[in-house]
Amino acid sequence: MELIARIAPFFAIIAAGALAGRLGLLNARIGGWLSAYTFWIGFPALLIRWLGDAPPPDAGQAVALGAYGAAMTGLILAVWAFARRAGWTPQAAAGLPMVSVVGNTAFLGAPLAVAVLGTAVRPLAATLVAVDFILLMGVAIAILQTGAASLGIGAALRRVLANPTVLGAAAGLALSATGVRPPGLADQGLSLLAATASPVALVALGGLIGRDGGLPARRDLSPLALALGVKLLAAPLLVWIALGLVGASAEARATATLLAACPTAVNVFIQTRAFGVFARGAAEAVVAGTVLSALTLTLIAHFLS
């Protein structure tokens, strides 16, 4: 019931955006503005605030973080290879790795881990969020760009350095490591901007669904099924196995597995929309994955606790 209570507000905001889109109040132009705001301002501010406020993990957790990062990066590359071999469109092949692996760890996973496993896991959970939005998001953005323009993976990786999500996560991690906080007015402003990230992104997502509504097209069903299967089932299982192999503590293993099991992040929709690659597929995966995660996350959380 606690998990359902955490997820319910997400759907209420998505529904409000969908209604506005259906009534014509939230057209594509306005939706683009909302997405751009979240992409450039809201979500980077959230990462700076959330990661900057978290205490750094202890040195003993480095092995667990490395195993998590390696397992999830390997999964990104495996999904990309499979999608290309399956002959799906270049846009689907470029977007699926991000949709299938980058989860809603900042909004849902880390708070849920603290609620289920206790406050002692907060530093590790925060660092896992940083791994998601620096390492995993960086690799996934590089692949995503291959579907948006005629450039190689090397050039795409260089462009990742300018991505506001990656920069925001890196800045938050730096604040956490140094213990520095922005001065008073800047700190208050950052907190206000961070509070807007999730609601604005969810309204933009709902607007897209409301305008384009309906069931996924037949050609989109296989990519969507792959994304949901990898994100909700394969990712947590792989992380559970990987951290067990490196001898991570039970607490670290449970925290990483719970975060790996989170549904696709709303920010994935924002990223795919910003690059014009697989945005509709990302929106479908966010909504369907969040619905299904009410069951899968509850079962996994029960098993881990």
Foldseek 3Di string as FASTA:
>chain_A
DVLCVLLVVLVVLLQVLLVCLLVVNCDPVNLLVLLVCLQAFQLLLLLLVLLLPAAADDPLCVLLLVLLLVLLQVQLVVQLVVCVVVVADLLLSLQLSQQQFQFALSSRQLVVLCVLPHPVCNNVSSVSNLSSQAVVVLQSQLSNVVSQDVDDSVVSSVCSVVGSSNVSNVNNNVSNVVVDDDDDVVNVVSVVSNVVNSSSLSSSLSSVCNNVPDDDDPSLPVSLVNSLCSQQPVQLVSSLVSCVVVPHDLSSSLSSSLSSNHFRHSVSLSSCVVSVGCNVSSSVRRVVNSVCCVPSSVVSSVVSD
